[in-house]
Amino acid sequence: MDPPANHPETHQPAAPTAGAVTGLRGEPEQPRLLGRSRAYTLANLPERLRQWHAPRINRWERLWVTGGSLAIEYLDASGTIGAELALGENRWFAPGTRWRVVHMAPDSHFELEIHADAKGQAEAPQPLRSTLLEEALSVAVADVPALAALLHALPLGERRVVHARFDLGAWSGTATGAQTLFWHPLAAAPGCFTVLVARSDRLFDLRAYLGRDHAVIEAALGGALASDANYDAWLRATLERHLQIEEELIFPAYLAAGGNEAWVKGLKDEHAYLRQYLCELDQPISRRRFLRLLDGHDEKEERVIYPDVVAHVGARAAALLDAAIAWPVPGATRVP
């Protein structure tokens, strides 16, 4: 991934080359580069790229073969299509196009770019994410035993917005060695707090938790844009908590393990813009910039940064996950 531009609206992608190999939907009309991966080899190829996966809404992926050759498969209306890409060739994958790597030689390598189409800019959070809070059942608990009982009985795949009438500091049951409970504080004040919880049917890792935290922020943003005061407060609290987790916990561990300093600097610059635009969210220009930047920032982290973080920190990822889950939400926020 290239370091972000100094201003989120001025980043220009590289021009297509004569060697481009396009799919049935061609390429975005006005591509805007969001990030570029490290060089993937047979030794470090992420498992997700071996499995069927697809770019999300208004996301295009561009695969560049930078060494050797590569065999891929993708799905279209006629079924599974195989393709051999040689050195210098590339292929665009449109939003929703499922594809995977099926073979690469030990001396082959490639890079993956993430683009947005400027003609389809984000004007609201991703639809599936914006319902994360809206469709969660809201419940109240009076004390620690009541919360413990609720979490113990929470069915797999379900989520709750929990309003607790005691101090968040009194609850110490969020960090465990085997994670199946997503825990995302939304607000905290003396004597009460609000948290989104969800029970997963499988263990999740640091990447999954941080990505889910993005989804919670985007869900709160959806309500804030609809002028809901509670959602607006949740947006500000969850975003600041997430930025603190990255700046004070994740990034230092990543850099200490030899991570990319330029990437971290670029991300921190974007954090500064997010904080600035959030303070000006009632202004149309700042709102548009915030939406555009948050959408691209989250995508870069989920697709490029978090996999590299996990690859660098290795066994420390489990302890970082526990610390991230236990990270407090900024205090004195609105609690309904």
C-alpha atoms as a PDB file:
ATOM      1  CA  MET A   1       0.000   0.000   0.000  1.00  0.00           C
ATOM      2  CA  ASP A   2       1.297   3.415  -0.898  1.00  0.00           C
ATOM      3  CA  PRO A   3       1.329   6.063   1.867  1.00  0.00           C
ATOM      4  CA  PRO A   4      -1.886   8.148   1.726  1.00  0.00           C
ATOM      5  CA  ALA A   5      -1.923  11.494  -0.002  1.00  0.00           C
ATOM      6  CA  ASN A   6      -1.686  14.601   2.172  1.00  0.00           C
ATOM      7  CA  HIS A   7      -5.284  15.453   1.358  1.00  0.00           C
ATOM      8  CA  PRO A   8      -7.868  12.707   0.964  1.00  0.00           C
ATOM      9  CA  GLU A   9      -9.432  14.238  -2.149  1.00  0.00           C
ATOM     10  CA  THR A  10      -6.304  14.693  -4.255  1.00  0.00           C
ATOM     11  CA  HIS A  11      -4.884  11.161  -4.516  1.00  0.00           C
ATOM     12  CA  GLN A  12      -4.636  10.089  -8.185  1.00  0.00           C
ATOM     13  CA  PRO A  13      -4.187   6.478  -9.338  1.00  0.00           C
ATOM     14  CA  ALA A  14      -1.613   5.317 -11.819  1.00  0.00           C
ATOM     15  CA  ALA A  15      -2.757   5.282 -15.431  1.00  0.00           C
ATOM     16  CA  PRO A  16      -3.748   1.887 -16.907  1.00  0.00           C
ATOM     17  CA  THR A  17      -1.058   0.216 -18.987  1.00  0.00           C
ATOM     18  CA  ALA A  18      -1.244  -1.602 -22.293  1.00  0.00           C
ATOM     19  CA  GLY A  19      -0.798  -4.882 -20.445  1.00  0.00           C
ATOM     20  CA  ALA A  20      -4.065  -4.593 -18.543  1.00  0.00           C
ATOM     21  CA  VAL A  21      -6.333  -7.621 -18.691  1.00  0.00           C
ATOM     22  CA  THR A  22      -9.906  -6.629 -17.926  1.00  0.00           C
ATOM     23  CA  GLY A  23     -12.869  -8.719 -16.838  1.00  0.00           C
ATOM     24  CA  LEU A  24     -16.398  -8.652 -18.208  1.00  0.00           C
ATOM     25  CA  ARG A  25     -17.207  -5.436 -16.358  1.00  0.00           C
ATOM     26  CA  GLY A  26     -13.989  -3.762 -17.502  1.00  0.00           C
ATOM     27  CA  GLU A  27     -12.576  -1.292 -15.029  1.00  0.00           C
ATOM     28  CA  PRO A  28     -13.919   1.637 -12.969  1.00  0.00           C
ATOM     29  CA  GLU A  29     -14.642   4.775 -14.970  1.00  0.00           C
ATOM     30  CA  GLN A  30     -12.837   7.026 -12.494  1.00  0.00           C
ATOM     31  CA  PRO A  31     -10.570   4.795 -10.364  1.00  0.00           C
ATOM     32  CA  ARG A  32      -9.180   6.225  -7.141  1.00  0.00           C
ATOM     33  CA  LEU A  33      -6.350   4.250  -5.537  1.00  0.00           C
ATOM     34  CA  LEU A  34      -6.971   3.480  -1.862  1.00  0.00           C
ATOM     35  CA  GLY A  35      -4.043   1.197  -1.131  1.00  0.00           C
ATOM     36  CA  ARG A  36      -1.549  -1.341  -2.419  1.00  0.00           C
ATOM     37  CA  SER A  37      -0.520  -4.560  -0.694  1.00  0.00           C
ATOM     38  CA  ARG A  38       2.963  -5.849  -0.036  1.00  0.00           C
ATOM     39  CA  ALA A  39       4.374  -8.301  -2.613  1.00  0.00           C
ATOM     40  CA  TYR A  40       2.617 -11.645  -2.153  1.00  0.00           C
ATOM     41  CA  THR A  41       4.613 -14.832  -2.736  1.00  0.00           C
ATOM     42  CA  LEU A  42       3.811 -18.505  -2.353  1.00  0.00           C
ATOM     43  CA  ALA A  43       5.346 -18.350   1.131  1.00  0.00           C
ATOM     44  CA  ASN A  44       3.244 -15.445   2.457  1.00  0.00           C
ATOM     45  CA  LEU A  45       0.040 -15.769   0.395  1.00  0.00           C
ATOM     46  CA  PRO A  46      -2.919 -15.115   2.769  1.00  0.00           C
ATOM     47  CA  GLU A  47      -5.397 -17.953   3.031  1.00  0.00           C
ATOM     48  CA  ARG A  48      -8.273 -15.633   2.128  1.00  0.00           C
ATOM     49  CA  LEU A  49      -6.777 -15.133  -1.362  1.00  0.00           C
ATOM     50  CA  ARG A  50      -6.778 -18.903  -1.907  1.00  0.00           C
ATOM     51  CA  GLN A  51     -10.507 -18.982  -1.099  1.00  0.00           C
ATOM     52  CA  TRP A  52     -13.408 -17.482  -3.022  1.00  0.00           C
ATOM     53  CA  HIS A  53     -13.782 -13.838  -2.034  1.00  0.00           C
ATOM     54  CA  ALA A  54     -15.015 -10.621  -3.639  1.00  0.00           C
ATOM     55  CA  PRO A  55     -14.550  -6.833  -3.425  1.00  0.00           C
ATOM     56  CA  ARG A  56     -17.375  -5.127  -1.562  1.00  0.00           C
ATOM     57  CA  ILE A  57     -19.691  -2.341  -2.760  1.00  0.00           C
ATOM     58  CA  ASN A  58     -17.863   0.353  -4.786  1.00  0.00           C
ATOM     59  CA  ARG A  59     -14.590  -1.530  -4.437  1.00  0.00           C
ATOM     60  CA  TRP A  60     -12.431  -2.717  -7.304  1.00  0.00           C
ATOM     61  CA  GLU A  61      -9.365  -4.886  -6.886  1.00  0.00           C
ATOM     62  CA  ARG A  62      -6.497  -4.861  -9.382  1.00  0.00           C
ATOM     63  CA  LEU A  63      -4.033  -7.729  -9.383  1.00  0.00           C
ATOM     64  CA  TRP A  64      -0.563  -7.041 -10.828  1.00  0.00           C
ATOM     65  CA  VAL A  65       1.844  -9.895 -11.612  1.00  0.00           C
ATOM     66  CA  THR A  66       5.299  -8.559 -10.719  1.00  0.00           C
ATOM     67  CA  GLY A  67       7.239 -11.805 -11.063  1.00  0.00           C
ATOM     68  CA  GLY A  68       6.728 -15.178 -12.734  1.00  0.00           C
ATOM     69  CA  SER A  69       3.148 -16.171 -13.551  1.00  0.00           C
ATOM     70  CA  LEU A  70      -0.106 -16.753 -11.718  1.00  0.00           C
ATOM     71  CA  ALA A  71      -3.190 -18.926 -12.208  1.00  0.00           C
ATOM     72  CA  ILE A  72      -6.508 -17.541 -10.978  1.00  0.00           C
ATOM     73  CA  GLU A  73     -10.204 -18.381 -11.202  1.00  0.00           C
ATOM     74  CA  TYR A  74     -13.190 -16.060 -11.118  1.00  0.00           C
ATOM     75  CA  LEU A  75     -16.944 -16.477 -11.405  1.00  0.00           C
ATOM     76  CA  ASP A  76     -19.203 -14.894 -13.993  1.00  0.00           C
ATOM     77  CA  ALA A  77     -22.637 -15.654 -15.446  1.00  0.00           C
ATOM     78  CA  SER A  78     -21.253 -18.573 -17.482  1.00  0.00           C
ATOM     79  CA  GLY A  79     -19.573 -20.228 -14.514  1.00  0.00           C
ATOM     80  CA  THR A  80     -15.975 -20.605 -13.351  1.00  0.00           C
ATOM     81  CA  ILE A  81     -13.373 -18.999 -15.625  1.00  0.00           C
ATOM     82  CA  GLY A  82      -9.670 -19.822 -15.381  1.00  0.00           C
ATOM     83  CA  ALA A  83      -6.918 -17.409 -16.395  1.00  0.00           C
ATOM     84  CA  GLU A  84      -3.125 -17.502 -16.576  1.00  0.00           C
ATOM     85  CA  LEU A  85      -1.473 -14.134 -15.963  1.00  0.00           C
ATOM     86  CA  ALA A  86       2.128 -13.572 -17.000  1.00  0.00           C
ATOM     87  CA  LEU A  87       4.713 -11.077 -15.771  1.00  0.00           C
ATOM     88  CA  GLY A  88       3.466  -7.512 -16.247  1.00  0.00           C
ATOM     89  CA  GLU A  89      -0.181  -8.469 -16.773  1.00  0.00           C
ATOM     90  CA  ASN A  90      -2.959  -7.379 -14.457  1.00  0.00           C
ATOM     91  CA  ARG A  91      -6.662  -7.954 -13.972  1.00  0.00           C
ATOM     92  CA  TRP A  92      -9.482  -5.867 -12.541  1.00  0.00           C
ATOM     93  CA  PHE A  93     -12.111  -7.478 -10.311  1.00  0.00           C
ATOM     94  CA  ALA A  94     -15.388  -5.565 -10.099  1.00  0.00           C
ATOM     95  CA  PRO A  95     -17.468  -5.197  -6.915  1.00  0.00           C
ATOM     96  CA  GLY A  96     -19.013  -8.547  -6.029  1.00  0.00           C
ATOM     97  CA  THR A  97     -16.854 -10.572  -8.456  1.00  0.00           C
ATOM     98  CA  ARG A  98     -15.720 -13.721  -6.642  1.00  0.00           C
ATOM     99  CA  TRP A  99     -12.166 -14.836  -7.420  1.00  0.00           C
ATOM    100  CA  ARG A 100      -9.239 -16.802  -5.984  1.00  0.00           C
ATOM    101  CA  VAL A 101      -5.609 -17.749  -6.607  1.00  0.00           C
ATOM    102  CA  VAL A 102      -5.334 -21.396  -7.671  1.00  0.00           C
ATOM    103  CA  HIS A 103      -1.621 -21.743  -8.433  1.00  0.00           C
ATOM    104  CA  MET A 104       1.620 -19.808  -8.243  1.00  0.00           C
ATOM    105  CA  ALA A 105       5.214 -20.956  -8.600  1.00  0.00           C
ATOM    106  CA  PRO A 106       7.743 -20.451  -5.762  1.00  0.00           C
ATOM    107  CA  ASP A 107       9.419 -17.637  -7.724  1.00  0.00           C
ATOM    108  CA  SER A 108       6.165 -15.837  -8.607  1.00  0.00           C
ATOM    109  CA  HIS A 109       4.892 -12.720  -6.854  1.00  0.00           C
ATOM    110  CA  PHE A 110       2.102 -10.199  -7.280  1.00  0.00           C
ATOM    111  CA  GLU A 111       0.594  -7.098  -5.700  1.00  0.00           C
ATOM    112  CA  LEU A 112      -3.037  -6.218  -5.090  1.00  0.00           C
ATOM    113  CA  GLU A 113      -4.439  -2.709  -5.375  1.00  0.00           C
ATOM    114  CA  ILE A 114      -7.721  -1.490  -3.902  1.00  0.00           C
ATOM    115  CA  HIS A 115      -9.623   1.190  -5.802  1.00  0.00           C
ATOM    116  CA  ALA A 116     -12.892   3.062  -5.435  1.00  0.00           C
ATOM    117  CA  ASP A 117     -14.830   4.437  -8.385  1.00  0.00           C
ATOM    118  CA  ALA A 118     -15.101   8.199  -7.918  1.00  0.00           C
ATOM    119  CA  LYS A 119     -18.464   8.094  -9.732  1.00  0.00           C
ATOM    120  CA  GLY A 120     -19.838   5.926  -6.905  1.00  0.00           C
ATOM    121  CA  GLN A 121     -18.569   7.789  -3.875  1.00  0.00           C
ATOM    122  CA  ALA A 122     -19.804   6.760  -0.459  1.00  0.00           C
ATOM    123  CA  GLU A 123     -22.622   9.026   0.656  1.00  0.00           C
ATOM    124  CA  ALA A 124     -23.614   6.755   3.558  1.00  0.00           C
ATOM    125  CA  PRO A 125     -22.170   3.757   5.419  1.00  0.00           C
ATOM    126  CA  GLN A 126     -22.205   0.346   3.740  1.00  0.00           C
ATOM    127  CA  PRO A 127     -25.841  -0.916   3.978  1.00  0.00           C
ATOM    128  CA  LEU A 128     -25.023  -4.220   5.723  1.00  0.00           C
ATOM    129  CA  ARG A 129     -22.976  -2.377   8.329  1.00  0.00           C
ATOM    130  CA  SER A 130     -25.492   0.398   8.961  1.00  0.00           C
ATOM    131  CA  THR A 131     -28.034  -2.154  10.276  1.00  0.00           C
ATOM    132  CA  LEU A 132     -25.662  -3.620  12.853  1.00  0.00           C
ATOM    133  CA  LEU A 133     -27.055  -1.454  15.669  1.00  0.00           C
ATOM    134  CA  GLU A 134     -30.550  -0.868  14.285  1.00  0.00           C
ATOM    135  CA  GLU A 135     -31.428  -4.575  14.262  1.00  0.00           C
ATOM    136  CA  ALA A 136     -29.882  -5.426  17.647  1.00  0.00           C
ATOM    137  CA  LEU A 137     -32.303  -6.053  20.513  1.00  0.00           C
ATOM    138  CA  SER A 138     -31.914  -3.473  23.302  1.00  0.00           C
ATOM    139  CA  VAL A 139     -31.835  -4.786  26.891  1.00  0.00           C
ATOM    140  CA  ALA A 140     -31.070  -3.358  30.337  1.00  0.00           C
ATOM    141  CA  VAL A 141     -29.133  -5.009  33.166  1.00  0.00           C
ATOM    142  CA  ALA A 142     -28.876  -3.786  36.738  1.00  0.00           C
ATOM    143  CA  ASP A 143     -25.686  -5.420  37.983  1.00  0.00           C
ATOM    144  CA  VAL A 144     -22.692  -7.629  37.157  1.00  0.00           C
ATOM    145  CA  PRO A 145     -24.475 -10.987  37.744  1.00  0.00           C
ATOM    146  CA  ALA A 146     -27.291  -9.935  35.409  1.00  0.00           C
ATOM    147  CA  LEU A 147     -24.827  -9.033  32.665  1.00  0.00           C
ATOM    148  CA  ALA A 148     -22.903 -12.278  33.130  1.00  0.00           C
ATOM    149  CA  ALA A 149     -26.143 -14.273  32.866  1.00  0.00           C
ATOM    150  CA  LEU A 150     -27.190 -12.411  29.713  1.00  0.00           C
ATOM    151  CA  LEU A 151     -23.846 -13.064  27.998  1.00  0.00           C
ATOM    152  CA  HIS A 152     -23.845 -16.716  29.026  1.00  0.00           C
ATOM    153  CA  ALA A 153     -27.296 -17.213  27.490  1.00  0.00           C
ATOM    154  CA  LEU A 154     -26.666 -15.125  24.330  1.00  0.00           C
ATOM    155  CA  PRO A 155     -27.433 -17.390  21.333  1.00  0.00           C
ATOM    156  CA  LEU A 156     -24.860 -17.903  18.601  1.00  0.00           C
ATOM    157  CA  GLY A 157     -25.083 -15.316  15.852  1.00  0.00           C
ATOM    158  CA  GLU A 158     -27.195 -12.866  17.864  1.00  0.00           C
ATOM    159  CA  ARG A 159     -26.331  -9.425  19.203  1.00  0.00           C
ATOM    160  CA  ARG A 160     -27.653  -7.075  21.887  1.00  0.00           C
ATOM    161  CA  VAL A 161     -27.262  -3.426  22.776  1.00  0.00           C
ATOM    162  CA  VAL A 162     -26.868  -3.674  26.546  1.00  0.00           C
ATOM    163  CA  HIS A 163     -27.574  -0.726  28.861  1.00  0.00           C
ATOM    164  CA  ALA A 164     -25.848  -1.462  32.163  1.00  0.00           C
ATOM    165  CA  ARG A 165     -26.612   0.487  35.317  1.00  0.00           C
ATOM    166  CA  PHE A 166     -23.237   0.146  36.983  1.00  0.00           C
ATOM    167  CA  ASP A 167     -19.700   1.366  36.291  1.00  0.00           C
ATOM    168  CA  LEU A 168     -17.899  -0.133  33.315  1.00  0.00           C
ATOM    169  CA  GLY A 169     -14.841  -0.561  35.542  1.00  0.00           C
ATOM    170  CA  ALA A 170     -16.767  -3.051  37.672  1.00  0.00           C
ATOM    171  CA  TRP A 171     -16.961  -5.485  34.761  1.00  0.00           C
ATOM    172  CA  SER A 172     -13.792  -7.500  34.168  1.00  0.00           C
ATOM    173  CA  GLY A 173     -15.096 -10.420  32.155  1.00  0.00           C
ATOM    174  CA  THR A 174     -14.413  -9.193  28.608  1.00  0.00           C
ATOM    175  CA  ALA A 175     -10.860 -10.466  28.108  1.00  0.00           C
ATOM    176  CA  THR A 176     -10.382 -14.217  27.731  1.00  0.00           C
ATOM    177  CA  GLY A 177      -7.932 -16.480  25.933  1.00  0.00           C
ATOM    178  CA  ALA A 178     -10.590 -18.030  23.657  1.00  0.00           C
ATOM    179  CA  GLN A 179     -12.652 -15.322  21.997  1.00  0.00           C
ATOM    180  CA  THR A 180     -16.225 -15.897  20.828  1.00  0.00           C
ATOM    181  CA  LEU A 181     -17.810 -12.752  22.327  1.00  0.00           C
ATOM    182  CA  PHE A 182     -17.566  -9.498  20.413  1.00  0.00           C
ATOM    183  CA  TRP A 183     -17.585  -6.633  22.945  1.00  0.00           C
ATOM    184  CA  HIS A 184     -17.814  -3.047  21.663  1.00  0.00           C
ATOM    185  CA  PRO A 185     -18.468  -0.297  24.254  1.00  0.00           C
ATOM    186  CA  LEU A 186     -20.626   2.519  22.855  1.00  0.00           C
ATOM    187  CA  ALA A 187     -20.788   4.947  25.769  1.00  0.00           C
ATOM    188  CA  ALA A 188     -19.797   5.284  29.412  1.00  0.00           C
ATOM    189  CA  ALA A 189     -20.577   7.672  32.247  1.00  0.00           C
ATOM    190  CA  PRO A 190     -20.381   7.392  36.041  1.00  0.00           C
ATOM    191  CA  GLY A 191     -22.683   4.579  37.146  1.00  0.00           C
ATOM    192  CA  CYS A 192     -23.656   3.318  33.691  1.00  0.00           C
ATOM    193  CA  PHE A 193     -22.448   2.243  30.252  1.00  0.00           C
ATOM    194  CA  THR A 194     -23.791   0.932  26.934  1.00  0.00           C
ATOM    195  CA  VAL A 195     -22.144  -1.865  24.955  1.00  0.00           C
ATOM    196  CA  LEU A 196     -22.857  -3.844  21.792  1.00  0.00           C
ATOM    197  CA  VAL A 197     -22.258  -7.581  22.280  1.00  0.00           C
ATOM    198  CA  ALA A 198     -22.485 -10.425  19.769  1.00  0.00           C
ATOM    199  CA  ARG A 199     -21.822 -14.152  20.113  1.00  0.00           C
ATOM    200  CA  SER A 200     -19.763 -15.725  17.331  1.00  0.00           C
ATOM    201  CA  ASP A 201     -20.059 -19.394  16.384  1.00  0.00           C
ATOM    202  CA  ARG A 202     -16.268 -19.598  16.042  1.00  0.00           C
ATOM    203  CA  LEU A 203     -13.151 -18.114  17.583  1.00  0.00           C
ATOM    204  CA  PHE A 204     -12.180 -14.748  16.134  1.00  0.00           C
ATOM    205  CA  ASP A 205      -8.787 -13.089  15.883  1.00  0.00           C
ATOM    206  CA  LEU A 206      -7.377  -9.564  16.066  1.00  0.00           C
ATOM    207  CA  ARG A 207      -8.152  -8.849  12.409  1.00  0.00           C
ATOM    208  CA  ALA A 208     -11.776  -9.875  12.821  1.00  0.00           C
ATOM    209  CA  TYR A 209     -12.256  -7.798  15.967  1.00  0.00           C
ATOM    210  CA  LEU A 210     -10.791  -4.615  14.510  1.00  0.00           C
ATOM    211  CA  GLY A 211     -12.831  -5.083  11.337  1.00  0.00           C
ATOM    212  CA  ARG A 212     -15.982  -5.577  13.418  1.00  0.00           C
ATOM    213  CA  ASP A 213     -15.113  -2.392  15.300  1.00  0.00           C
ATOM    214  CA  HIS A 214     -15.122  -0.576  11.942  1.00  0.00           C
ATOM    215  CA  ALA A 215     -18.602  -1.945  11.307  1.00  0.00           C
ATOM    216  CA  VAL A 216     -19.834  -0.649  14.686  1.00  0.00           C
ATOM    217  CA  ILE A 217     -18.478   2.828  13.908  1.00  0.00           C
ATOM    218  CA  GLU A 218     -20.171   2.831  10.496  1.00  0.00           C
ATOM    219  CA  ALA A 219     -23.427   1.660  12.077  1.00  0.00           C
ATOM    220  CA  ALA A 220     -23.311   4.536  14.564  1.00  0.00           C
ATOM    221  CA  LEU A 221     -22.561   6.898  11.671  1.00  0.00           C
ATOM    222  CA  GLY A 222     -25.741   5.809   9.913  1.00  0.00           C
ATOM    223  CA  GLY A 223     -27.850   6.890  12.878  1.00  0.00           C
ATOM    224  CA  ALA A 224     -25.849  10.084  13.383  1.00  0.00           C
ATOM    225  CA  LEU A 225     -26.528  11.118   9.777  1.00  0.00           C
ATOM    226  CA  ALA A 226     -30.235  10.629  10.530  1.00  0.00           C
ATOM    227  CA  SER A 227     -29.903  13.165  13.392  1.00  0.00           C
ATOM    228  CA  ASP A 228     -30.205  10.618  16.199  1.00  0.00           C
ATOM    229  CA  ALA A 229     -28.436  12.161  19.212  1.00  0.00           C
ATOM    230  CA  ASN A 230     -27.595   8.799  20.807  1.00  0.00           C
ATOM    231  CA  TYR A 231     -26.046   7.472  17.610  1.00  0.00           C
ATOM    232  CA  ASP A 232     -24.101  10.694  17.181  1.00  0.00           C
ATOM    233  CA  ALA A 233     -22.617  10.288  20.674  1.00  0.00           C
ATOM    234  CA  TRP A 234     -21.869   6.616  19.974  1.00  0.00           C
ATOM    235  CA  LEU A 235     -20.126   7.551  16.745  1.00  0.00           C
ATOM    236  CA  ARG A 236     -17.809   9.996  18.479  1.00  0.00           C
ATOM    237  CA  ALA A 237     -17.043   7.614  21.342  1.00  0.00           C
ATOM    238  CA  THR A 238     -16.500   4.474  19.243  1.00  0.00           C
ATOM    239  CA  LEU A 239     -14.358   6.247  16.660  1.00  0.00           C
ATOM    240  CA  GLU A 240     -12.103   7.813  19.292  1.00  0.00           C
ATOM    241  CA  ARG A 241     -11.794   4.478  21.124  1.00  0.00           C
ATOM    242  CA  HIS A 242     -10.836   2.724  17.887  1.00  0.00           C
ATOM    243  CA  LEU A 243      -8.259   5.359  16.951  1.00  0.00           C
ATOM    244  CA  GLN A 244      -6.729   5.112  20.425  1.00  0.00           C
ATOM    245  CA  ILE A 245      -6.528   1.308  20.170  1.00  0.00           C
ATOM    246  CA  GLU A 246      -4.590   1.645  16.934  1.00  0.00           C
ATOM    247  CA  GLU A 247      -2.366   4.555  17.938  1.00  0.00           C
ATOM    248  CA  GLU A 248      -1.520   3.403  21.461  1.00  0.00           C
ATOM    249  CA  LEU A 249      -1.700  -0.389  21.157  1.00  0.00           C
ATOM    250  CA  ILE A 250      -1.610  -1.804  17.629  1.00  0.00           C
ATOM    251  CA  PHE A 251       0.772   0.548  15.825  1.00  0.00           C
ATOM    252  CA  PRO A 252       3.510   0.494  18.525  1.00  0.00           C
ATOM    253  CA  ALA A 253       3.486  -3.319  18.569  1.00  0.00           C
ATOM    254  CA  TYR A 254       3.548  -3.437  14.773  1.00  0.00           C
ATOM    255  CA  LEU A 255       6.480  -1.020  14.490  1.00  0.00           C
ATOM    256  CA  ALA A 256       8.393  -2.817  17.234  1.00  0.00           C
ATOM    257  CA  ALA A 257       8.062  -5.989  15.159  1.00  0.00           C
ATOM    258  CA  GLY A 258       9.513  -4.280  12.067  1.00  0.00           C
ATOM    259  CA  GLY A 259       6.306  -2.966  10.491  1.00  0.00           C
ATOM    260  CA  ASN A 260       6.116  -0.329   7.770  1.00  0.00           C
ATOM    261  CA  GLU A 261       6.739   3.114   9.275  1.00  0.00           C
ATOM    262  CA  ALA A 262       5.445   4.975   6.208  1.00  0.00           C
ATOM    263  CA  TRP A 263       2.134   3.129   6.386  1.00  0.00           C
ATOM    264  CA  VAL A 264       1.694   4.011  10.055  1.00  0.00           C
ATOM    265  CA  LYS A 265       2.522   7.661   9.419  1.00  0.00           C
ATOM    266  CA  GLY A 266      -0.019   7.803   6.617  1.00  0.00           C
ATOM    267  CA  LEU A 267      -2.702   6.196   8.769  1.00  0.00           C
ATOM    268  CA  LYS A 268      -2.053   8.601  11.638  1.00  0.00           C
ATOM    269  CA  ASP A 269      -2.367  11.507   9.197  1.00  0.00           C
ATOM    270  CA  GLU A 270      -5.748  10.137   8.138  1.00  0.00           C
ATOM    271  CA  HIS A 271      -6.737   9.795  11.809  1.00  0.00           C
ATOM    272  CA  ALA A 272      -6.086  13.514  12.211  1.00  0.00           C
ATOM    273  CA  TYR A 273      -8.336  14.283   9.248  1.00  0.00           C
ATOM    274  CA  LEU A 274     -11.084  11.996  10.607  1.00  0.00           C
ATOM    275  CA  ARG A 275     -11.045  13.813  13.942  1.00  0.00           C
ATOM    276  CA  GLN A 276     -11.126  17.184  12.182  1.00  0.00           C
ATOM    277  CA  TYR A 277     -13.986  16.294   9.830  1.00  0.00           C
ATOM    278  CA  LEU A 278     -15.981  14.659  12.635  1.00  0.00           C
ATOM    279  CA  CYS A 279     -15.936  17.959  14.530  1.00  0.00           C
ATOM    280  CA  GLU A 280     -17.381  19.596  11.391  1.00  0.00           C
ATOM    281  CA  LEU A 281     -19.887  16.862  10.505  1.00  0.00           C
ATOM    282  CA  ASP A 282     -22.735  19.389  10.277  1.00  0.00           C
ATOM    283  CA  GLN A 283     -20.961  21.070   7.361  1.00  0.00           C
ATOM    284  CA  PRO A 284     -21.734  19.438   3.962  1.00  0.00           C
ATOM    285  CA  ILE A 285     -18.156  19.565   2.639  1.00  0.00           C
ATOM    286  CA  SER A 286     -16.654  18.110   5.818  1.00  0.00           C
ATOM    287  CA  ARG A 287     -19.395  15.462   5.964  1.00  0.00           C
ATOM    288  CA  ARG A 288     -18.607  14.356   2.416  1.00  0.00           C
ATOM    289  CA  ARG A 289     -14.884  14.276   3.152  1.00  0.00           C
ATOM    290  CA  PHE A 290     -15.458  12.313   6.358  1.00  0.00           C
ATOM    291  CA  LEU A 291     -17.589   9.684   4.595  1.00  0.00           C
ATOM    292  CA  ARG A 292     -15.143   9.313   1.746  1.00  0.00           C
ATOM    293  CA  LEU A 293     -12.086   9.116   3.978  1.00  0.00           C
ATOM    294  CA  LEU A 294     -13.609   6.725   6.535  1.00  0.00           C
ATOM    295  CA  ASP A 295     -14.776   4.347   3.804  1.00  0.00           C
ATOM    296  CA  GLY A 296     -11.362   4.150   2.154  1.00  0.00           C
ATOM    297  CA  HIS A 297      -9.457   4.125   5.444  1.00  0.00           C
ATOM    298  CA  ASP A 298     -11.407   1.158   6.808  1.00  0.00           C
ATOM    299  CA  GLU A 299     -10.969  -0.746   3.550  1.00  0.00           C
ATOM    300  CA  LYS A 300      -7.202  -0.224   3.518  1.00  0.00           C
ATOM    301  CA  GLU A 301      -6.842  -1.399   7.083  1.00  0.00           C
ATOM    302  CA  GLU A 302      -9.006  -4.492   6.662  1.00  0.00           C
ATOM    303  CA  ARG A 303      -7.506  -5.605   3.354  1.00  0.00           C
ATOM    304  CA  VAL A 304      -3.877  -4.530   3.699  1.00  0.00           C
ATOM    305  CA  ILE A 305      -2.818  -3.216   7.121  1.00  0.00           C
ATOM    306  CA  TYR A 306      -4.359  -5.699   9.565  1.00  0.00           C
ATOM    307  CA  PRO A 307      -3.063  -8.790   7.702  1.00  0.00           C
ATOM    308  CA  ASP A 308       0.418  -7.259   7.761  1.00  0.00           C
ATOM    309  CA  VAL A 309       0.090  -6.414  11.464  1.00  0.00           C
ATOM    310  CA  VAL A 310      -0.818 -10.011  12.309  1.00  0.00           C
ATOM    311  CA  ALA A 311       2.009 -11.323  10.132  1.00  0.00           C
ATOM    312  CA  HIS A 312       4.531  -9.131  11.977  1.00  0.00           C
ATOM    313  CA  VAL A 313       3.385  -9.481  15.598  1.00  0.00           C
ATOM    314  CA  GLY A 314       2.892 -13.264  15.385  1.00  0.00           C
ATOM    315  CA  ALA A 315       2.063 -14.858  18.731  1.00  0.00           C
ATOM    316  CA  ARG A 316       1.572 -11.429  20.341  1.00  0.00           C
ATOM    317  CA  ALA A 317      -1.690 -11.031  18.396  1.00  0.00           C
ATOM    318  CA  ALA A 318      -3.671 -12.909  21.082  1.00  0.00           C
ATOM    319  CA  ALA A 319      -2.545 -10.553  23.853  1.00  0.00           C
ATOM    320  CA  LEU A 320      -3.211  -7.528  21.627  1.00  0.00           C
ATOM    321  CA  LEU A 321      -6.724  -8.846  20.986  1.00  0.00           C
ATOM    322  CA  ASP A 322      -7.443  -9.140  24.716  1.00  0.00           C
ATOM    323  CA  ALA A 323      -6.135  -5.622  25.296  1.00  0.00           C
ATOM    324  CA  ALA A 324      -8.185  -4.202  22.409  1.00  0.00           C
ATOM    325  CA  ILE A 325     -11.416  -5.765  23.677  1.00  0.00           C
ATOM    326  CA  ALA A 326     -10.782  -4.445  27.188  1.00  0.00           C
ATOM    327  CA  TRP A 327      -9.938  -0.935  25.943  1.00  0.00           C
ATOM    328  CA  PRO A 328     -12.316   1.565  27.600  1.00  0.00           C
ATOM    329  CA  VAL A 329     -14.609   3.873  25.721  1.00  0.00           C
ATOM    330  CA  PRO A 330     -13.911   7.588  26.365  1.00  0.00           C
ATOM    331  CA  GLY A 331     -15.791   8.572  29.519  1.00  0.00           C
ATOM    332  CA  ALA A 332     -18.513  11.095  30.157  1.00  0.00           C
ATOM    333  CA  THR A 333     -20.273  10.261  26.882  1.00  0.00           C
ATOM    334  CA  ARG A 334     -24.051  10.271  26.451  1.00  0.00           C
ATOM    335  CA  VAL A 335     -25.710   7.159  27.863  1.00  0.00           C
ATOM    336  CA  PRO A 336     -29.468   6.907  27.139  1.00  0.00           C
END
